[in-house]
């Protein structure tokens, strides 16, 4: 038996018998919201939650705007981190608006799922994060490959897209699907070695010499570059939330210093960082000793980072363990200190004085921003605290930084268009993998 459901301009027919997981969604509005990223209150009264969820999350085949064009492509996007969710969300939205079918997958990881829900991107959770140990990563990756292979063999995409996802590239290669890999992290060399040789195309910022990717196994004809750093993809579209400070309990009249913890479980930081000893801990301690009036907010990643920092500093520091609109916060920040990569680049392109204390090999995009005078790398917590206080005393320096950063962002192109063009020419190019 089939039932009809009208959604915007498209009438589709869906099975009246739903899988057990959908039955749970139909009975639990909070579960619906958590899985689909849209408030139940916004569902038209004529649509039941389970039907709409079936369309958006399980089929993911009805474009939000249908303009009478024939559907052209089935595109699978695998996104594993918050940065990847931000980067691929505009691509997902444009593909859907153009009438293409899009399936988004992720793994069980708090920040990734929260990012996709905040951006209202429907997704399927397949597999989990493997943690910080080599054996944990290997087993989780192997299990995820098996589960993705079954799903993707049934969904049958024309092209796969990921930020060099080990599992997505392997599944795509095994099933004869061209894979488009985005990558701005050759310092994560283990991931690059596993994904670049079996991808049809490699898309990356122009600052990376093509020889870098060729050494990982990509021919120069398959390397696509764009004149931008990756955060430009969402910063160029971003509209700051004027209420962000009040939401976080911050006072606009007092200096605001934001910190970001390192990605302690990343393969390229194994042995160099610990989830229980965040790099920013000693930095915060030095800042509080030198100026107790600072408003300090730290954005954490994994399970132990937030509890550890709360035990160390209590109410003197705002510790976030939820995804927020980071670009809005950074636009109102006086100084940023990052032990990761993405938020450091965001801060620099928004013109916020940025200090990097990245614990691993310095990424090329950080080196590039240093040449532009937009980022300073300092490892000593004592020197970082002194630099922060110097910046806060120098209004002209902060104004100049704001001008330089926003000018560089305006000069950059939108990476989304290059990725879209590559995705559309990839179908049928599996032999390039």
Protein backbone atom coordinates (compact mmCIF):
# COMPACT_ATOMS: atom_id res chain seq x y z
CA UNK A 1 0.00 0.00 0.00
CA UNK A 2 1.26 3.49 -0.84
CA UNK A 3 0.22 6.88 0.50
CA UNK A 4 0.63 10.23 -1.24
CA UNK A 5 2.28 13.29 0.30
CA UNK A 6 2.46 16.75 -1.23
CA UNK A 7 5.57 18.71 -0.28
CA UNK A 8 6.03 22.18 -1.86
CA UNK A 9 5.62 21.58 -5.61
CA UNK A 10 6.34 17.86 -5.72
CA UNK A 11 3.97 14.99 -5.09
CA UNK A 12 5.73 11.80 -4.10
CA UNK A 13 4.55 8.40 -3.04
CA UNK A 14 6.04 6.71 -0.02
CA UNK A 15 5.47 3.28 1.57
CA UNK A 16 2.80 3.19 4.28
CA UNK A 17 4.94 0.70 6.25
CA UNK A 18 7.88 2.45 7.87
CA UNK A 19 11.03 0.93 9.36
CA UNK A 20 11.11 0.63 13.20
CA UNK A 21 13.36 3.70 13.49
CA UNK A 22 10.75 5.78 11.68
CA UNK A 23 8.05 4.53 14.01
CA UNK A 24 10.14 5.91 16.89
CA UNK A 25 10.50 9.23 15.08
CA UNK A 26 6.75 9.47 14.57
CA UNK A 27 6.15 9.10 18.32
CA UNK A 28 9.00 11.27 19.58
CA UNK A 29 9.10 14.87 18.35
CA UNK A 30 12.43 15.55 20.05
CA UNK A 31 14.01 12.60 18.24
CA UNK A 32 12.61 13.97 14.98
CA UNK A 33 14.19 17.35 15.65
CA UNK A 34 17.54 15.84 16.60
CA UNK A 35 17.66 13.69 13.46
CA UNK A 36 16.36 16.19 10.95
CA UNK A 37 17.45 19.54 12.31
CA UNK A 38 14.10 21.31 11.89
CA UNK A 39 11.57 22.33 14.57
CA UNK A 40 8.42 20.21 14.57
CA UNK A 41 6.41 23.43 14.97
CA UNK A 42 7.40 24.39 11.41
CA UNK A 43 5.96 21.22 9.85
CA UNK A 44 2.68 21.95 7.98
CA UNK A 45 -0.26 20.51 9.88
CA UNK A 46 -1.19 18.28 6.94
CA UNK A 47 2.22 16.55 7.08
CA UNK A 48 2.95 13.93 9.72
CA UNK A 49 6.43 13.98 11.21
CA UNK A 50 7.31 10.48 10.13
CA UNK A 51 6.40 11.17 6.48
CA UNK A 52 8.43 14.36 6.30
CA UNK A 53 11.37 12.72 8.05
CA UNK A 54 11.19 9.78 5.65
CA UNK A 55 11.45 12.18 2.74
CA UNK A 56 14.24 14.41 4.04
CA UNK A 57 16.46 12.03 5.94
CA UNK A 58 15.97 8.58 4.46
CA UNK A 59 15.16 9.29 0.84
CA UNK A 60 16.86 12.71 0.71
CA UNK A 61 15.69 12.86 -2.86
CA UNK A 62 13.19 15.73 -2.99
CA UNK A 63 14.80 19.12 -3.73
CA UNK A 64 13.57 21.97 -1.57
CA UNK A 65 12.91 24.07 -4.67
CA UNK A 66 11.79 22.28 -7.80
CA UNK A 67 11.89 24.34 -10.99
CA UNK A 68 10.57 21.82 -13.45
CA UNK A 69 14.00 20.60 -14.46
CA UNK A 70 14.81 16.92 -14.68
CA UNK A 71 16.86 15.56 -11.84
CA UNK A 72 20.40 15.21 -13.05
CA UNK A 73 22.66 13.69 -10.41
CA UNK A 74 22.66 11.60 -7.27
CA UNK A 75 25.41 13.05 -5.07
CA UNK A 76 26.71 11.46 -1.87
CA UNK A 77 28.49 13.80 0.58
CA UNK A 78 30.36 12.34 3.56
CA UNK A 79 31.13 14.94 6.23
CA UNK A 80 33.04 14.03 9.38
CA UNK A 81 33.89 17.26 11.26
CA UNK A 82 32.27 20.64 12.04
CA UNK A 83 34.53 22.33 9.47
CA UNK A 84 33.41 19.86 6.81
CA UNK A 85 29.76 20.44 7.68
CA UNK A 86 30.22 24.20 7.26
CA UNK A 87 32.16 23.70 4.01
CA UNK A 88 29.73 21.28 2.36
CA UNK A 89 26.44 22.81 3.55
CA UNK A 90 26.36 25.46 0.76
CA UNK A 91 27.17 22.75 -1.80
CA UNK A 92 24.36 20.56 -0.43
CA UNK A 93 21.91 23.47 -0.56
CA UNK A 94 22.83 24.51 -4.11
CA UNK A 95 22.65 20.95 -5.43
CA UNK A 96 19.22 20.42 -3.87
CA UNK A 97 17.97 23.77 -5.19
CA UNK A 98 19.11 22.78 -8.68
CA UNK A 99 17.07 19.58 -8.52
CA UNK A 100 19.78 17.05 -7.72
CA UNK A 101 19.41 14.22 -5.20
CA UNK A 102 21.79 14.52 -2.25
CA UNK A 103 22.61 12.05 0.50
CA UNK A 104 24.67 13.35 3.44
CA UNK A 105 26.34 10.91 5.82
CA UNK A 106 28.33 11.49 8.98
CA UNK A 107 29.53 9.47 11.95
CA UNK A 108 28.60 9.57 15.63
CA UNK A 109 30.48 12.66 16.75
CA UNK A 110 28.84 15.41 18.80
CA UNK A 111 30.28 18.41 16.97
CA UNK A 112 29.57 17.07 13.48
CA UNK A 113 25.96 16.22 14.21
CA UNK A 114 25.32 19.51 16.01
CA UNK A 115 26.78 21.45 13.09
CA UNK A 116 24.59 19.71 10.52
CA UNK A 117 21.49 20.19 12.67
CA UNK A 118 22.26 23.90 13.15
CA UNK A 119 22.63 24.28 9.37
CA UNK A 120 19.45 22.23 8.78
CA UNK A 121 21.19 19.70 6.58
CA UNK A 122 19.45 16.28 6.72
CA UNK A 123 21.91 13.47 7.34
CA UNK A 124 22.37 9.77 8.08
CA UNK A 125 24.66 8.64 10.89
CA UNK A 126 26.86 5.72 9.80
CA UNK A 127 29.57 4.46 12.14
CA UNK A 128 31.46 6.23 14.88
CA UNK A 129 34.65 8.14 15.66
CA UNK A 130 37.51 5.78 16.48
CA UNK A 131 39.03 7.87 19.28
CA UNK A 132 42.72 8.64 19.71
CA UNK A 133 44.38 5.22 19.43
CA UNK A 134 45.58 3.60 16.18
CA UNK A 135 43.66 0.37 16.86
CA UNK A 136 40.48 2.30 17.68
CA UNK A 137 40.76 4.30 14.46
CA UNK A 138 41.43 1.19 12.36
CA UNK A 139 38.53 -0.84 13.76
CA UNK A 140 36.03 2.04 13.58
CA UNK A 141 37.09 2.82 10.00
CA UNK A 142 36.77 -0.82 8.93
CA UNK A 143 33.32 -1.16 10.47
CA UNK A 144 32.20 2.11 8.90
CA UNK A 145 33.39 1.02 5.45
CA UNK A 146 31.23 -2.11 5.68
CA UNK A 147 28.14 -0.17 6.75
CA UNK A 148 28.63 2.56 4.15
CA UNK A 149 29.21 -0.02 1.40
CA UNK A 150 25.78 -1.55 2.04
CA UNK A 151 24.05 1.84 2.15
CA UNK A 152 25.79 3.29 -0.91
CA UNK A 153 25.38 0.12 -2.99
CA UNK A 154 21.64 0.50 -2.46
CA UNK A 155 21.48 4.28 -2.94
CA UNK A 156 23.69 4.21 -6.08
CA UNK A 157 25.12 7.74 -6.34
CA UNK A 158 26.65 9.12 -9.51
CA UNK A 159 29.43 10.84 -7.60
CA UNK A 160 30.84 10.91 -4.07
CA UNK A 161 32.25 14.02 -2.36
CA UNK A 162 34.19 14.25 0.90
CA UNK A 163 36.99 16.03 2.67
CA UNK A 164 39.34 13.11 2.00
CA UNK A 165 37.20 10.73 4.05
CA UNK A 166 39.07 7.42 4.21
CA UNK A 167 35.81 5.47 4.30
CA UNK A 168 34.04 7.43 1.55
CA UNK A 169 36.97 7.23 -0.85
CA UNK A 170 37.41 3.48 -0.28
CA UNK A 171 33.70 2.70 -0.68
CA UNK A 172 33.46 4.86 -3.79
CA UNK A 173 36.49 3.19 -5.32
CA UNK A 174 35.20 -0.28 -4.54
CA UNK A 175 31.75 0.42 -6.01
CA UNK A 176 33.00 2.21 -9.13
CA UNK A 177 31.84 5.69 -8.11
CA UNK A 178 34.04 8.72 -8.93
CA UNK A 179 35.17 10.43 -5.75
CA UNK A 180 35.87 14.17 -5.46
CA UNK A 181 38.20 14.89 -2.55
CA UNK A 182 38.55 18.30 -0.96
CA UNK A 183 41.70 18.72 1.09
CA UNK A 184 43.65 21.55 2.70
CA UNK A 185 45.56 19.34 5.14
CA UNK A 186 48.52 17.54 3.58
CA UNK A 187 50.03 17.63 7.08
CA UNK A 188 47.49 14.87 7.81
CA UNK A 189 49.65 12.65 5.61
CA UNK A 190 48.20 9.29 6.66
CA UNK A 191 44.74 10.34 5.48
CA UNK A 192 46.16 11.81 2.26
CA UNK A 193 48.04 8.60 1.42
CA UNK A 194 44.85 6.56 1.81
CA UNK A 195 42.53 8.86 -0.16
CA UNK A 196 44.33 10.94 -2.79
CA UNK A 197 45.47 8.03 -5.03
CA UNK A 198 41.92 6.64 -5.34
CA UNK A 199 40.08 9.93 -5.92
CA UNK A 200 39.01 11.16 -9.35
CA UNK A 201 39.69 14.82 -8.50
CA UNK A 202 41.47 16.72 -5.72
CA UNK A 203 40.19 20.22 -4.86
CA UNK A 204 42.34 22.46 -2.67
CA UNK A 205 43.32 26.09 -2.00
CA UNK A 206 45.71 27.64 -4.51
CA UNK A 207 48.45 28.06 -1.92
CA UNK A 208 49.24 24.34 -2.18
CA UNK A 209 51.67 23.53 -4.96
CA UNK A 210 50.26 20.79 -7.18
CA UNK A 211 53.47 18.85 -6.57
CA UNK A 212 52.29 18.25 -2.99
CA UNK A 213 49.27 16.32 -4.21
CA UNK A 214 51.20 14.63 -7.03
CA UNK A 215 53.54 13.15 -4.43
CA UNK A 216 50.49 11.57 -2.79
CA UNK A 217 49.46 10.02 -6.12
CA UNK A 218 47.30 12.58 -7.96
CA UNK A 219 48.10 13.49 -11.56
CA UNK A 220 48.25 17.24 -12.24
CA UNK A 221 45.24 17.10 -14.56
CA UNK A 222 43.08 15.92 -11.66
CA UNK A 223 44.08 18.71 -9.26
CA UNK A 224 41.59 21.61 -9.07
CA UNK A 225 42.56 24.74 -7.16
CA UNK A 226 40.57 27.75 -5.96
CA UNK A 227 41.80 31.17 -4.90
CA UNK A 228 40.54 30.95 -1.34
CA UNK A 229 41.06 29.31 2.02
CA UNK A 230 38.27 26.91 2.89
CA UNK A 231 36.41 29.06 5.48
CA UNK A 232 35.66 31.56 2.71
CA UNK A 233 32.97 29.11 1.57
CA UNK A 234 30.78 29.97 4.57
CA UNK A 235 32.18 33.33 5.69
CA UNK A 236 31.19 34.95 2.39
CA UNK A 237 27.58 33.90 3.09
CA UNK A 238 27.56 34.54 6.80
CA UNK A 239 25.26 37.05 8.51
CA UNK A 240 26.37 37.75 12.10
CA UNK A 241 23.88 37.12 14.87
CA UNK A 242 23.52 40.44 16.76
CA UNK A 243 22.40 38.55 19.89
CA UNK A 244 25.41 36.22 20.12
CA UNK A 245 27.02 37.99 23.11
CA UNK A 246 23.83 38.07 25.17
CA UNK A 247 23.23 34.39 24.40
CA UNK A 248 26.64 33.57 25.85
CA UNK A 249 26.44 35.95 28.80
CA UNK A 250 29.22 38.23 27.51
CA UNK A 251 29.51 41.99 28.03
CA UNK A 252 30.37 43.95 24.87
CA UNK A 253 32.05 46.67 26.99
CA UNK A 254 34.74 44.35 28.38
CA UNK A 255 37.56 42.64 26.40
CA UNK A 256 36.63 39.22 25.00
CA UNK A 257 39.29 36.55 24.41
CA UNK A 258 38.21 33.32 22.68
CA UNK A 259 40.25 30.10 22.63
CA UNK A 260 39.83 26.84 20.72
CA UNK A 261 41.19 23.50 21.89
CA UNK A 262 43.20 21.18 19.66
CA UNK A 263 41.83 18.17 17.77
CA UNK A 264 43.48 15.80 20.21
CA UNK A 265 42.26 12.62 18.48
CA UNK A 266 43.54 13.60 15.02
CA UNK A 267 46.03 11.15 13.50
CA UNK A 268 48.55 13.95 12.88
CA UNK A 269 48.61 14.87 16.60
CA UNK A 270 49.00 11.38 18.05
CA UNK A 271 51.64 11.57 20.77
CA UNK A 272 51.68 15.40 20.68
CA UNK A 273 48.48 16.21 22.56
CA UNK A 274 46.17 14.72 25.16
CA UNK A 275 42.41 14.99 25.55
CA UNK A 276 42.90 15.35 29.32
CA UNK A 277 45.58 18.07 29.06
CA UNK A 278 44.38 20.72 26.56
CA UNK A 279 47.15 22.93 25.16
CA UNK A 280 45.16 26.06 26.04
CA UNK A 281 45.01 25.24 29.76
CA UNK A 282 48.33 26.92 30.71
CA UNK A 283 47.49 29.81 28.37
CA UNK A 284 44.22 30.50 30.22
CA UNK A 285 46.00 30.28 33.58
CA UNK A 286 48.53 32.93 32.48
CA UNK A 287 45.81 35.22 31.13
CA UNK A 288 43.86 35.07 34.40
CA UNK A 289 46.98 35.81 36.43
CA UNK A 290 47.79 38.89 34.37
CA UNK A 291 44.27 40.32 33.95
CA UNK A 292 41.30 39.14 35.98
CA UNK A 293 38.91 41.45 34.10
CA UNK A 294 39.18 39.53 30.82
CA UNK A 295 36.12 37.66 29.57
CA UNK A 296 37.55 34.30 28.48
CA UNK A 297 35.57 31.78 26.47
CA UNK A 298 36.99 28.45 25.33
CA UNK A 299 35.38 26.19 22.71
CA UNK A 300 36.16 22.51 23.34
CA UNK A 301 35.99 19.45 21.09
CA UNK A 302 36.07 16.07 22.84
CA UNK A 303 34.67 14.47 25.98
CA UNK A 304 37.43 15.23 28.52
CA UNK A 305 38.42 18.73 27.44
CA UNK A 306 35.40 20.57 28.84
CA UNK A 307 35.32 18.81 32.28
CA UNK A 308 39.08 19.27 32.71
CA UNK A 309 38.91 23.02 31.98
CA UNK A 310 35.86 23.49 34.22
CA UNK A 311 37.68 21.79 37.11
CA UNK A 312 40.73 24.00 36.57
CA UNK A 313 39.01 27.38 36.20
CA UNK A 314 35.43 27.08 37.45
CA UNK A 315 33.25 30.09 36.72
CA UNK A 316 36.16 32.33 35.80
CA UNK A 317 36.01 30.95 32.25
CA UNK A 318 33.07 30.15 29.96
CA UNK A 319 33.63 26.60 28.69
CA UNK A 320 31.56 25.62 25.66
CA UNK A 321 30.87 21.99 24.86
CA UNK A 322 28.16 22.73 22.30
CA UNK A 323 28.42 24.00 18.74
CA UNK A 324 27.56 27.68 18.34
CA UNK A 325 27.69 30.22 15.53
CA UNK A 326 31.45 30.65 15.82
CA UNK A 327 31.72 33.25 13.05
CA UNK A 328 29.26 35.51 14.88
CA UNK A 329 31.22 35.14 18.11
CA UNK A 330 34.54 35.82 16.38
CA UNK A 331 33.13 38.96 14.75
CA UNK A 332 32.69 40.38 18.28
CA UNK A 333 35.97 39.01 19.70
CA UNK A 334 39.00 41.15 20.58
CA UNK A 335 41.66 38.41 20.41
CA UNK A 336 41.55 34.76 19.32
CA UNK A 337 43.95 31.99 20.42
CA UNK A 338 43.73 28.70 18.56
CA UNK A 339 45.41 25.32 18.98
CA UNK A 340 43.50 24.05 15.94
CA UNK A 341 43.21 25.30 12.38
CA UNK A 342 39.73 26.26 11.17
CA UNK A 343 38.77 28.86 13.77
CA UNK A 344 42.23 30.42 13.50
CA UNK A 345 41.66 30.94 9.77
CA UNK A 346 38.12 32.22 10.41
CA UNK A 347 39.40 34.76 12.92
CA UNK A 348 42.15 35.95 10.55
CA UNK A 349 39.75 36.40 7.61
CA UNK A 350 37.33 38.30 9.85
CA UNK A 351 40.16 40.60 10.86
CA UNK A 352 40.45 39.43 14.47
CA UNK A 353 44.01 39.36 15.90
CA UNK A 354 44.82 35.64 15.91
CA UNK A 355 47.50 33.71 17.79
CA UNK A 356 48.24 30.09 16.86
CA UNK A 357 49.57 27.59 19.40
CA UNK A 358 48.99 24.58 17.15
CA UNK A 359 50.90 21.67 18.76
CA UNK A 360 51.83 19.85 15.55
CA UNK A 361 53.59 20.65 12.29
CA UNK A 362 52.52 24.13 11.24
CA UNK A 363 49.84 23.90 8.48
CA UNK A 364 50.59 25.73 5.25
CA UNK A 365 47.48 27.92 5.54
CA UNK A 366 48.75 29.20 8.91
CA UNK A 367 52.12 29.99 7.30
CA UNK A 368 50.33 31.86 4.51
CA UNK A 369 48.32 33.96 6.98
CA UNK A 370 51.53 34.74 8.88
CA UNK A 371 53.00 36.23 5.70
CA UNK A 372 49.93 38.47 5.50
CA UNK A 373 50.40 39.64 9.09
CA UNK A 374 47.10 38.07 10.16
CA UNK A 375 48.35 35.28 12.45
CA UNK A 376 51.24 34.99 14.91
CA UNK A 377 52.49 31.58 16.06
CA UNK A 378 53.52 31.58 19.74
CA UNK A 379 53.96 28.41 21.79
CA UNK A 380 54.88 29.84 25.21
CA UNK A 381 51.78 30.45 27.42
CA UNK A 382 53.59 33.34 29.15
CA UNK A 383 54.42 35.04 25.83
CA UNK A 384 50.90 34.46 24.52
CA UNK A 385 49.43 36.24 27.56
CA UNK A 386 51.80 39.19 27.08
CA UNK A 387 50.91 39.41 23.38
CA UNK A 388 47.18 39.42 24.19
CA UNK A 389 47.59 42.30 26.63
CA UNK A 390 49.64 44.27 24.08
CA UNK A 391 46.94 43.80 21.44
CA UNK A 392 44.20 44.90 23.83
CA UNK A 393 46.12 48.12 24.60
CA UNK A 394 46.57 48.98 20.89
CA UNK A 395 43.28 50.07 19.28
CA UNK A 396 44.97 51.07 16.02
CA UNK A 397 46.57 47.65 15.64
CA UNK A 398 43.16 45.97 16.01
CA UNK A 399 41.59 48.34 13.48
CA UNK A 400 44.38 47.70 10.95
CA UNK A 401 44.00 43.96 11.49
CA UNK A 402 40.26 44.20 10.84
CA UNK A 403 40.85 46.00 7.55
CA UNK A 404 43.53 43.57 6.34
CA UNK A 405 41.50 40.47 7.17
CA UNK A 406 38.23 41.59 5.60
CA UNK A 407 40.09 42.83 2.51
CA UNK A 408 41.72 39.42 2.03
CA UNK A 409 38.38 37.63 2.44
CA UNK A 410 36.76 39.91 -0.14
CA UNK A 411 39.60 39.16 -2.59
CA UNK A 412 39.13 35.40 -2.29
CA UNK A 413 36.75 33.55 -4.59
CA UNK A 414 33.94 31.28 -3.43
CA UNK A 415 35.29 27.69 -3.28
CA UNK A 416 31.75 26.35 -3.54
CA UNK A 417 31.52 27.13 -7.26
CA UNK A 418 34.74 25.26 -8.10
CA UNK A 419 33.60 22.22 -6.11
CA UNK A 420 30.19 22.25 -7.82
CA UNK A 421 31.76 22.42 -11.26
CA UNK A 422 34.02 19.50 -10.40
CA UNK A 423 31.16 17.42 -8.98
CA UNK A 424 29.13 17.92 -12.15
CA UNK A 425 31.92 16.78 -14.47
CA UNK A 426 32.93 13.79 -12.31
CA UNK A 427 30.18 11.23 -13.18
CA UNK A 428 31.52 8.55 -15.49
CA UNK A 429 35.14 9.39 -14.54
CA UNK A 430 35.57 6.46 -12.15
CA UNK A 431 38.68 5.25 -14.01
CA UNK A 432 40.41 8.44 -12.83
CA UNK A 433 40.15 7.11 -9.25
